[in-house]
Amino acid sequence: MCKIFSEIDPSAYTTETRSVRIAGHATSIRLEAAFWETLDQIAAAQGVTVGRFLTKLHDEVLDLRGDVTNFASLLRCACLVHASAARPAAGQTERLMHEAAADFMPAM
């Protein structure tokens, strides 16, 4: 099972810094490329730019909580929530469980 994770292309976890404008202020956000790709997909699915999506999310959290702490971590969690909505098919889940059992089964 660890091969599934260890074989991830390093370009997916290379950090990427993007300059964005949120609430009229220019800032930069550093995330791994895979998270930026997911944010691009989320924004595209909603018919907006990533910048507009980030601004809307920031504003909603600000309205809800009164403060936005650790926005980069919030973005990573948003990507995980998005990914969990697209869970693998049952056959793929069974294959992963079989591989995990084989990887972690004690040698006899």
N, C-alpha and C. Protein backbone atom coordinates (compact mmCIF):
# COMPACT_ATOMS: atom_id res chain seq x y z
N MET A 1 0.83 -1.19 0.00
CA MET A 1 0.00 0.00 0.00
C MET A 1 0.86 1.24 0.00
N CYS A 2 1.98 1.23 0.69
CA CYS A 2 2.79 2.44 0.75
C CYS A 2 3.30 2.84 -0.62
N LYS A 3 3.40 1.88 -1.56
CA LYS A 3 3.84 2.20 -2.91
C LYS A 3 2.90 3.20 -3.56
N ILE A 4 1.62 3.09 -3.24
CA ILE A 4 0.64 4.02 -3.79
C ILE A 4 1.03 5.45 -3.42
N PHE A 5 1.54 5.62 -2.22
CA PHE A 5 1.91 6.95 -1.74
C PHE A 5 3.35 7.30 -2.08
N SER A 6 4.24 6.32 -1.97
CA SER A 6 5.65 6.62 -2.21
C SER A 6 5.94 6.88 -3.68
N GLU A 7 5.08 6.41 -4.56
CA GLU A 7 5.28 6.64 -5.99
C GLU A 7 4.64 7.92 -6.50
N ILE A 8 4.13 8.75 -5.60
CA ILE A 8 3.56 10.04 -6.02
C ILE A 8 4.65 10.85 -6.69
N ASP A 9 4.30 11.43 -7.83
CA ASP A 9 5.24 12.27 -8.58
C ASP A 9 5.66 13.46 -7.70
N PRO A 10 6.95 13.67 -7.51
CA PRO A 10 7.42 14.77 -6.67
C PRO A 10 6.89 16.15 -7.09
N SER A 11 6.54 16.30 -8.35
CA SER A 11 6.00 17.60 -8.78
C SER A 11 4.66 17.89 -8.10
N ALA A 12 3.97 16.86 -7.64
CA ALA A 12 2.69 17.07 -6.96
C ALA A 12 2.86 17.68 -5.58
N TYR A 13 3.99 17.41 -4.93
CA TYR A 13 4.18 17.96 -3.59
C TYR A 13 5.26 19.05 -3.53
N THR A 14 5.67 19.52 -4.69
CA THR A 14 6.53 20.68 -4.74
C THR A 14 5.69 21.90 -4.36
N THR A 15 6.22 22.73 -3.48
CA THR A 15 5.43 23.89 -3.08
C THR A 15 5.45 24.96 -4.15
N GLU A 16 4.35 25.66 -4.21
CA GLU A 16 4.14 26.70 -5.20
C GLU A 16 3.53 27.89 -4.47
N THR A 17 4.10 29.06 -4.68
CA THR A 17 3.57 30.27 -4.07
C THR A 17 2.85 31.07 -5.13
N ARG A 18 1.62 31.45 -4.83
CA ARG A 18 0.84 32.28 -5.76
C ARG A 18 0.47 33.58 -5.07
N SER A 19 0.54 34.63 -5.82
CA SER A 19 0.09 35.94 -5.34
C SER A 19 -1.39 36.06 -5.65
N VAL A 20 -2.16 36.42 -4.64
CA VAL A 20 -3.60 36.58 -4.80
C VAL A 20 -4.04 37.86 -4.11
N ARG A 21 -5.21 38.30 -4.48
CA ARG A 21 -5.80 39.48 -3.85
C ARG A 21 -7.05 39.03 -3.12
N ILE A 22 -7.04 39.19 -1.80
CA ILE A 22 -8.18 38.80 -0.96
C ILE A 22 -8.63 40.02 -0.18
N ALA A 23 -9.92 40.30 -0.28
CA ALA A 23 -10.50 41.45 0.41
C ALA A 23 -9.74 42.73 0.08
N GLY A 24 -9.31 42.84 -1.17
CA GLY A 24 -8.62 44.05 -1.62
C GLY A 24 -7.16 44.13 -1.24
N HIS A 25 -6.63 43.12 -0.58
CA HIS A 25 -5.24 43.12 -0.15
C HIS A 25 -4.45 42.06 -0.91
N ALA A 26 -3.30 42.45 -1.42
CA ALA A 26 -2.43 41.50 -2.10
C ALA A 26 -1.71 40.67 -1.04
N THR A 27 -1.68 39.36 -1.27
CA THR A 27 -0.99 38.46 -0.36
C THR A 27 -0.46 37.29 -1.18
N SER A 28 0.30 36.45 -0.55
CA SER A 28 0.77 35.25 -1.23
C SER A 28 0.44 34.04 -0.37
N ILE A 29 0.16 32.94 -1.07
CA ILE A 29 -0.20 31.70 -0.40
C ILE A 29 0.70 30.61 -0.96
N ARG A 30 1.29 29.83 -0.07
CA ARG A 30 2.16 28.73 -0.48
C ARG A 30 1.46 27.41 -0.16
N LEU A 31 1.25 26.62 -1.22
CA LEU A 31 0.64 25.30 -1.11
C LEU A 31 1.37 24.34 -2.03
N GLU A 32 1.19 23.08 -1.81
CA GLU A 32 1.73 22.08 -2.70
C GLU A 32 0.95 22.13 -4.02
N ALA A 33 1.64 21.80 -5.11
CA ALA A 33 1.03 21.88 -6.44
C ALA A 33 -0.27 21.10 -6.54
N ALA A 34 -0.35 19.95 -5.89
CA ALA A 34 -1.57 19.14 -5.94
C ALA A 34 -2.76 19.90 -5.35
N PHE A 35 -2.54 20.69 -4.32
CA PHE A 35 -3.63 21.47 -3.74
C PHE A 35 -4.05 22.60 -4.68
N TRP A 36 -3.08 23.24 -5.33
CA TRP A 36 -3.43 24.28 -6.30
C TRP A 36 -4.25 23.68 -7.44
N GLU A 37 -3.87 22.49 -7.88
CA GLU A 37 -4.61 21.83 -8.96
C GLU A 37 -6.05 21.55 -8.53
N THR A 38 -6.22 21.10 -7.31
CA THR A 38 -7.57 20.84 -6.80
C THR A 38 -8.36 22.13 -6.68
N LEU A 39 -7.73 23.20 -6.18
CA LEU A 39 -8.42 24.49 -6.09
C LEU A 39 -8.81 25.00 -7.48
N ASP A 40 -7.94 24.78 -8.47
CA ASP A 40 -8.27 25.15 -9.85
C ASP A 40 -9.52 24.40 -10.30
N GLN A 41 -9.61 23.11 -9.97
CA GLN A 41 -10.77 22.30 -10.36
C GLN A 41 -12.04 22.76 -9.65
N ILE A 42 -11.93 23.05 -8.36
CA ILE A 42 -13.09 23.52 -7.60
C ILE A 42 -13.61 24.83 -8.18
N ALA A 43 -12.70 25.76 -8.42
CA ALA A 43 -13.10 27.06 -8.97
C ALA A 43 -13.72 26.92 -10.35
N ALA A 44 -13.09 26.11 -11.19
CA ALA A 44 -13.61 25.90 -12.55
C ALA A 44 -15.02 25.30 -12.51
N ALA A 45 -15.24 24.36 -11.60
CA ALA A 45 -16.56 23.73 -11.48
C ALA A 45 -17.62 24.74 -11.07
N GLN A 46 -17.19 25.81 -10.39
CA GLN A 46 -18.13 26.84 -9.96
C GLN A 46 -18.16 28.02 -10.93
N GLY A 47 -17.36 27.92 -11.99
CA GLY A 47 -17.37 28.96 -13.02
C GLY A 47 -16.72 30.27 -12.60
N VAL A 48 -15.75 30.17 -11.68
CA VAL A 48 -15.05 31.37 -11.21
C VAL A 48 -13.54 31.13 -11.26
N THR A 49 -12.79 32.20 -11.12
CA THR A 49 -11.34 32.08 -11.03
C THR A 49 -10.96 31.60 -9.64
N VAL A 50 -9.75 31.10 -9.50
CA VAL A 50 -9.28 30.68 -8.17
C VAL A 50 -9.28 31.89 -7.23
N GLY A 51 -8.85 33.03 -7.72
CA GLY A 51 -8.84 34.23 -6.88
C GLY A 51 -10.21 34.58 -6.35
N ARG A 52 -11.20 34.50 -7.21
CA ARG A 52 -12.57 34.81 -6.78
C ARG A 52 -13.07 33.76 -5.79
N PHE A 53 -12.74 32.48 -6.04
CA PHE A 53 -13.14 31.43 -5.11
C PHE A 53 -12.50 31.66 -3.74
N LEU A 54 -11.20 31.97 -3.72
CA LEU A 54 -10.50 32.20 -2.46
C LEU A 54 -11.09 33.38 -1.71
N THR A 55 -11.42 34.44 -2.44
CA THR A 55 -12.02 35.62 -1.81
C THR A 55 -13.36 35.27 -1.19
N LYS A 56 -14.19 34.53 -1.93
CA LYS A 56 -15.51 34.13 -1.43
C LYS A 56 -15.38 33.26 -0.19
N LEU A 57 -14.48 32.28 -0.24
CA LEU A 57 -14.26 31.41 0.92
C LEU A 57 -13.76 32.22 2.12
N HIS A 58 -12.80 33.08 1.89
CA HIS A 58 -12.27 33.93 2.96
C HIS A 58 -13.38 34.78 3.59
N ASP A 59 -14.20 35.40 2.74
CA ASP A 59 -15.29 36.26 3.24
C ASP A 59 -16.31 35.46 4.04
N GLU A 60 -16.63 34.25 3.56
CA GLU A 60 -17.61 33.42 4.28
C GLU A 60 -17.08 33.00 5.64
N VAL A 61 -15.81 32.62 5.71
CA VAL A 61 -15.22 32.23 7.00
C VAL A 61 -15.16 33.44 7.92
N LEU A 62 -14.81 34.57 7.38
CA LEU A 62 -14.76 35.81 8.18
C LEU A 62 -16.14 36.12 8.75
N ASP A 63 -17.19 36.01 7.94
CA ASP A 63 -18.55 36.24 8.41
C ASP A 63 -18.96 35.22 9.47
N LEU A 64 -18.56 33.97 9.28
CA LEU A 64 -18.95 32.90 10.19
C LEU A 64 -18.19 32.93 11.50
N ARG A 65 -16.87 33.16 11.43
CA ARG A 65 -16.01 33.04 12.60
C ARG A 65 -15.47 34.37 13.14
N GLY A 66 -15.53 35.42 12.31
CA GLY A 66 -15.01 36.71 12.74
C GLY A 66 -13.52 36.87 12.51
N ASP A 67 -12.86 35.77 12.14
CA ASP A 67 -11.41 35.79 11.90
C ASP A 67 -11.07 34.60 11.01
N VAL A 68 -10.05 34.78 10.21
CA VAL A 68 -9.60 33.69 9.36
C VAL A 68 -8.16 33.36 9.77
N THR A 69 -8.01 32.28 10.51
CA THR A 69 -6.67 31.89 10.95
C THR A 69 -6.17 30.76 10.06
N ASN A 70 -4.92 30.79 9.73
CA ASN A 70 -4.25 29.77 8.95
C ASN A 70 -5.03 29.39 7.69
N PHE A 71 -5.17 30.38 6.81
CA PHE A 71 -5.95 30.22 5.58
C PHE A 71 -5.38 29.11 4.70
N ALA A 72 -4.07 28.96 4.64
CA ALA A 72 -3.47 27.91 3.82
C ALA A 72 -3.92 26.52 4.31
N SER A 73 -3.97 26.32 5.61
CA SER A 73 -4.44 25.04 6.15
C SER A 73 -5.92 24.84 5.85
N LEU A 74 -6.70 25.90 5.93
CA LEU A 74 -8.11 25.81 5.57
C LEU A 74 -8.25 25.36 4.11
N LEU A 75 -7.42 25.91 3.24
CA LEU A 75 -7.47 25.52 1.83
C LEU A 75 -7.13 24.06 1.64
N ARG A 76 -6.13 23.57 2.36
CA ARG A 76 -5.78 22.15 2.26
C ARG A 76 -6.96 21.28 2.72
N CYS A 77 -7.59 21.66 3.81
CA CYS A 77 -8.73 20.90 4.32
C CYS A 77 -9.91 20.97 3.34
N ALA A 78 -10.11 22.11 2.72
CA ALA A 78 -11.18 22.24 1.71
C ALA A 78 -10.92 21.27 0.56
N CYS A 79 -9.67 21.13 0.17
CA CYS A 79 -9.31 20.18 -0.89
C CYS A 79 -9.60 18.76 -0.46
N LEU A 80 -9.34 18.43 0.80
CA LEU A 80 -9.62 17.08 1.30
C LEU A 80 -11.13 16.82 1.32
N VAL A 81 -11.91 17.81 1.71
CA VAL A 81 -13.36 17.66 1.70
C VAL A 81 -13.84 17.44 0.27
N HIS A 82 -13.28 18.20 -0.66
CA HIS A 82 -13.64 18.04 -2.07
C HIS A 82 -13.27 16.63 -2.55
N ALA A 83 -12.08 16.17 -2.21
CA ALA A 83 -11.62 14.85 -2.64
C ALA A 83 -12.47 13.73 -2.02
N SER A 84 -12.91 13.92 -0.79
CA SER A 84 -13.70 12.87 -0.14
C SER A 84 -15.05 12.70 -0.81
N ALA A 85 -15.51 13.73 -1.50
CA ALA A 85 -16.77 13.63 -2.22
C ALA A 85 -16.60 12.78 -3.47
N ALA A 86 -15.36 12.56 -3.89
CA ALA A 86 -15.06 11.77 -5.08
C ALA A 86 -14.31 10.51 -4.67
N ARG A 87 -14.85 9.78 -3.72
CA ARG A 87 -14.20 8.56 -3.22
C ARG A 87 -14.02 7.54 -4.34
N PRO A 88 -13.00 6.68 -4.20
CA PRO A 88 -12.78 5.67 -5.24
C PRO A 88 -13.93 4.67 -5.32
N ALA A 89 -14.07 4.07 -6.47
CA ALA A 89 -15.10 3.05 -6.68
C ALA A 89 -14.82 1.86 -5.76
N ALA A 90 -15.84 1.06 -5.49
CA ALA A 90 -15.71 -0.07 -4.57
C ALA A 90 -14.59 -1.01 -4.97
N GLY A 91 -14.46 -1.30 -6.24
CA GLY A 91 -13.40 -2.21 -6.70
C GLY A 91 -12.02 -1.67 -6.38
N GLN A 92 -11.83 -0.39 -6.54
CA GLN A 92 -10.53 0.22 -6.25
C GLN A 92 -10.27 0.19 -4.75
N THR A 93 -11.28 0.43 -3.95
CA THR A 93 -11.12 0.39 -2.50
C THR A 93 -10.72 -1.01 -2.05
N GLU A 94 -11.37 -2.02 -2.62
CA GLU A 94 -11.01 -3.40 -2.29
C GLU A 94 -9.57 -3.71 -2.68
N ARG A 95 -9.13 -3.24 -3.83
CA ARG A 95 -7.76 -3.47 -4.28
C ARG A 95 -6.78 -2.81 -3.32
N LEU A 96 -7.08 -1.58 -2.90
CA LEU A 96 -6.20 -0.88 -1.96
C LEU A 96 -6.13 -1.61 -0.63
N MET A 97 -7.26 -2.12 -0.16
CA MET A 97 -7.27 -2.85 1.12
C MET A 97 -6.45 -4.13 1.00
N HIS A 98 -6.56 -4.82 -0.13
CA HIS A 98 -5.78 -6.04 -0.35
C HIS A 98 -4.29 -5.72 -0.37
N GLU A 99 -3.91 -4.65 -1.07
CA GLU A 99 -2.50 -4.26 -1.11
C GLU A 99 -1.99 -3.87 0.28
N ALA A 100 -2.83 -3.17 1.04
CA ALA A 100 -2.43 -2.76 2.39
C ALA A 100 -2.21 -3.98 3.27
N ALA A 101 -3.13 -4.96 3.17
CA ALA A 101 -2.99 -6.17 3.97
C ALA A 101 -1.69 -6.89 3.60
N ALA A 102 -1.38 -6.96 2.32
CA ALA A 102 -0.16 -7.62 1.88
C ALA A 102 1.09 -6.86 2.34
N ASP A 103 1.03 -5.54 2.30
CA ASP A 103 2.19 -4.72 2.69
C ASP A 103 2.49 -4.82 4.17
N PHE A 104 1.45 -4.95 4.99
CA PHE A 104 1.65 -4.88 6.42
C PHE A 104 1.51 -6.24 7.11
N MET A 105 1.30 -7.29 6.33
CA MET A 105 1.20 -8.63 6.89
C MET A 105 2.60 -9.12 7.27
N PRO A 106 2.76 -9.67 8.45
CA PRO A 106 4.07 -10.16 8.84
C PRO A 106 4.52 -11.30 7.91
N ALA A 107 5.82 -11.32 7.61
CA ALA A 107 6.38 -12.36 6.76
C ALA A 107 6.37 -13.70 7.51
N MET A 108 6.06 -14.74 6.80
CA MET A 108 6.02 -16.07 7.45
C MET A 108 7.10 -16.94 6.89
